Protein backbone atom coordinates (compact mmCIF):
# COMPACT_ATOMS: atom_id res chain seq x y z
CA MET A 1 -112.56 -11.93 -20.89
CA ASN A 2 -112.86 -11.45 -17.10
CA TRP A 3 -111.77 -8.40 -15.15
CA TYR A 4 -110.46 -8.61 -11.56
CA VAL A 5 -109.74 -6.04 -9.10
CA LEU A 6 -106.86 -6.29 -6.39
CA PHE A 7 -106.85 -3.84 -3.40
CA VAL A 8 -103.11 -3.07 -2.71
CA LEU A 9 -100.99 -0.63 -0.84
CA VAL A 10 -100.58 2.51 -2.84
CA VAL A 11 -96.91 2.62 -2.23
CA LYS A 12 -96.41 -0.92 -3.68
CA GLU A 13 -98.94 -0.80 -6.51
CA ASP A 14 -96.35 -0.20 -9.28
CA LYS A 15 -94.08 -2.99 -8.01
CA LEU A 16 -97.00 -5.44 -7.71
CA CYS A 17 -98.44 -4.48 -11.10
CA SER A 18 -94.96 -5.16 -12.78
CA LEU A 19 -94.75 -8.52 -11.06
CA LEU A 20 -98.22 -9.53 -12.37
CA ARG A 21 -97.27 -8.45 -15.93
CA LYS A 22 -94.14 -10.37 -15.50
CA LYS A 23 -96.12 -13.44 -14.75
CA GLY A 24 -98.12 -13.06 -17.95
CA LEU A 25 -101.29 -11.22 -16.78
CA ASP A 26 -102.70 -8.02 -18.38
CA ALA A 27 -102.45 -6.03 -15.19
CA PHE A 28 -102.78 -2.23 -15.02
CA ILE A 29 -103.47 0.69 -12.80
CA PRO A 30 -106.42 2.70 -14.16
CA MET A 31 -105.27 6.37 -14.65
CA TYR A 32 -106.86 9.52 -15.73
CA GLU A 33 -105.42 12.53 -17.67
CA TYR A 34 -106.05 16.00 -15.91
CA TYR A 35 -104.75 19.41 -16.22
CA ARG A 36 -102.07 20.73 -14.05
CA ARG A 37 -101.96 24.45 -13.65
CA ASP A 38 -98.51 24.57 -12.16
CA ILE A 39 -97.00 23.03 -15.40
CA LYS A 40 -99.69 24.42 -17.68
CA GLY A 41 -100.23 20.98 -19.28
CA ASN A 42 -101.66 17.57 -18.74
CA ALA A 43 -100.47 14.83 -16.56
CA ILE A 44 -101.83 11.47 -15.34
CA LYS A 45 -102.61 10.02 -11.90
CA PRO A 46 -104.45 6.89 -10.55
CA LEU A 47 -108.24 6.86 -11.18
CA PHE A 48 -108.65 4.61 -8.06
CA PRO A 49 -105.49 4.83 -5.94
CA GLY A 50 -104.67 1.42 -4.41
CA TYR A 51 -106.37 -0.64 -6.96
CA ILE A 52 -104.90 -2.83 -9.68
CA PHE A 53 -107.12 -4.19 -12.50
CA VAL A 54 -106.41 -7.47 -14.33
CA ARG A 55 -107.90 -8.64 -17.56
CA SER A 56 -107.75 -12.36 -17.91
CA ASN A 57 -109.32 -15.39 -19.59
CA LEU A 58 -108.93 -17.25 -16.26
CA GLU A 59 -112.11 -18.06 -14.33
CA GLN A 60 -112.53 -17.02 -10.85
CA LEU A 61 -111.01 -20.26 -9.11
CA ASP A 62 -108.18 -20.45 -11.65
CA PHE A 63 -107.33 -16.74 -11.08
CA ASP A 64 -107.37 -17.31 -7.35
CA GLN A 65 -105.09 -20.23 -7.67
CA PHE A 66 -102.80 -18.38 -9.99
CA LEU A 67 -102.33 -15.57 -7.39
CA PHE A 68 -101.88 -18.20 -4.67
CA ASN A 69 -99.12 -19.93 -6.72
CA ILE A 70 -97.00 -16.78 -7.36
CA LYS A 71 -93.80 -17.67 -5.42
CA GLU A 72 -92.31 -14.10 -5.35
CA PRO A 73 -93.33 -11.98 -2.34
CA LYS A 74 -96.60 -10.22 -3.23
CA GLU A 75 -95.80 -7.33 -0.98
CA GLY A 76 -98.57 -4.77 -0.76
CA LEU A 77 -101.42 -7.09 -1.85
CA ILE A 78 -104.15 -6.59 0.70
CA LYS A 79 -106.97 -8.56 -0.89
CA GLU A 80 -108.86 -9.52 -4.02
CA LEU A 81 -112.16 -7.71 -4.09
CA LYS A 82 -114.81 -10.35 -4.05
CA LYS A 83 -118.66 -10.79 -3.56
CA ALA A 84 -119.68 -14.32 -3.02
CA ASP A 85 -116.52 -15.80 -4.41
CA VAL A 86 -116.81 -13.67 -7.63
CA SER A 87 -114.31 -10.83 -8.16
CA ALA A 88 -114.83 -10.37 -11.88
CA LEU A 89 -116.36 -7.19 -12.78
CA ARG A 90 -120.06 -7.16 -14.04
CA ASP A 91 -120.51 -6.92 -17.87
CA ASP A 92 -121.87 -3.42 -17.47
CA GLU A 93 -118.82 -2.27 -15.45
CA ILE A 94 -116.59 -3.86 -18.13
CA LYS A 95 -118.32 -2.14 -20.90
CA MET A 96 -118.05 1.24 -19.17
CA PHE A 97 -114.29 0.79 -18.62
CA GLU A 98 -113.84 -0.33 -22.17
CA TYR A 99 -115.52 2.92 -23.35
CA MET A 100 -113.72 5.14 -20.99
CA LEU A 101 -110.15 3.73 -20.85
CA ASP A 102 -107.67 3.65 -23.82
CA SER A 103 -105.49 0.64 -24.62
CA LYS A 104 -103.02 1.75 -21.84
CA GLY A 105 -105.73 2.03 -19.23
CA ILE A 106 -105.96 5.81 -19.15
CA LEU A 107 -109.18 7.86 -19.20
CA ARG A 108 -108.02 10.74 -21.52
CA MET A 109 -109.20 14.29 -21.40
CA SER A 110 -112.51 15.02 -23.10
CA GLN A 111 -113.48 18.22 -24.83
CA ALA A 112 -116.71 19.96 -24.53
CA PHE A 113 -118.63 23.35 -24.91
CA ILE A 114 -121.30 24.70 -22.64
CA GLU A 115 -124.77 24.80 -23.95
CA ASP A 116 -127.93 25.44 -21.94
CA LYS A 117 -125.70 25.34 -18.82
CA ARG A 118 -124.62 21.88 -19.56
CA ALA A 119 -121.36 20.31 -20.92
CA LYS A 120 -121.91 18.93 -24.44
CA ILE A 121 -119.01 16.58 -25.18
CA TYR A 122 -117.76 16.51 -28.69
CA LYS A 123 -114.46 14.70 -28.36
CA GLY A 124 -113.13 12.03 -25.88
CA PRO A 125 -114.29 9.09 -23.74
CA LEU A 126 -116.99 11.04 -22.05
CA VAL A 127 -119.05 11.19 -25.31
CA HIS A 128 -121.00 8.22 -24.27
CA TYR A 129 -121.48 9.61 -20.65
CA GLN A 130 -122.21 13.27 -21.01
CA ASP A 131 -125.54 12.85 -19.28
CA HIS A 132 -123.75 11.57 -16.19
CA ILE A 133 -121.85 14.84 -15.60
CA VAL A 134 -123.01 16.28 -12.33
CA LYS A 135 -120.38 18.91 -11.91
CA VAL A 136 -117.88 20.91 -14.13
CA ASP A 137 -114.85 22.66 -12.70
CA LYS A 138 -113.73 24.86 -15.42
CA HIS A 139 -110.87 26.21 -13.42
CA ASN A 140 -109.27 22.81 -12.77
CA LYS A 141 -110.58 21.24 -16.01
CA LEU A 142 -112.47 18.55 -14.35
CA ALA A 143 -115.79 16.80 -14.55
CA THR A 144 -117.46 14.87 -11.74
CA LEU A 145 -119.88 12.11 -12.90
CA ASP A 146 -122.59 10.40 -11.03
CA LEU A 147 -121.07 7.14 -11.89
CA GLU A 148 -119.55 5.20 -8.85
CA PHE A 149 -117.17 2.39 -8.72
CA MET A 150 -116.01 0.99 -5.35
CA ASP A 151 -118.03 3.78 -3.59
CA ARG A 152 -116.08 6.49 -5.44
CA ARG A 153 -117.36 8.93 -7.91
CA PHE A 154 -115.59 9.20 -11.12
CA VAL A 155 -113.58 12.29 -11.81
CA ALA A 156 -112.39 12.89 -15.42
CA GLY A 157 -110.36 15.57 -17.27
CA LEU A 158 -112.59 17.98 -19.27
CA GLU A 159 -111.44 20.86 -21.28
CA ILE A 160 -114.04 23.48 -21.87
CA THR A 161 -113.89 25.34 -25.12
CA SER A 162 -116.05 28.24 -26.41
CA LYS A 163 -117.17 26.22 -29.40
CA ILE A 164 -116.32 23.14 -31.45
CA ARG A 165 -112.79 23.49 -32.95
């Protein structure tokens, strides 16, 4: 399974993602769950605004041809992210996203407690990545990780509890 990344206009990402799904591709916008103080509950928003991920068995040239052959207007598609004619994510990047994202492409909230001034994750997708947490914002229930993708640091929802529930 190859993963491809498309750079799109943020205002057109939902429409373009729907078009790609209608054409049979496993396209999604990676999201993350976070705490909203104004509603005192969780919500989701794009992890990387302006990017659509596509999982496909198509090889690079076949995927390029598939995109080219779509007859409907592909409004908002800026470009396919590529390096030397390869846009499929590296195996280590795919593995990271498979650990972090659920089946709907959402990075869910993790739960942790503080021990020795470090977050100890006991539930959620950050279990495998707790050593990558560089900053915890208890007030907004967010963790910043030292993992970068597309020159952006990951931010993930993180609820801090006093102890394991």
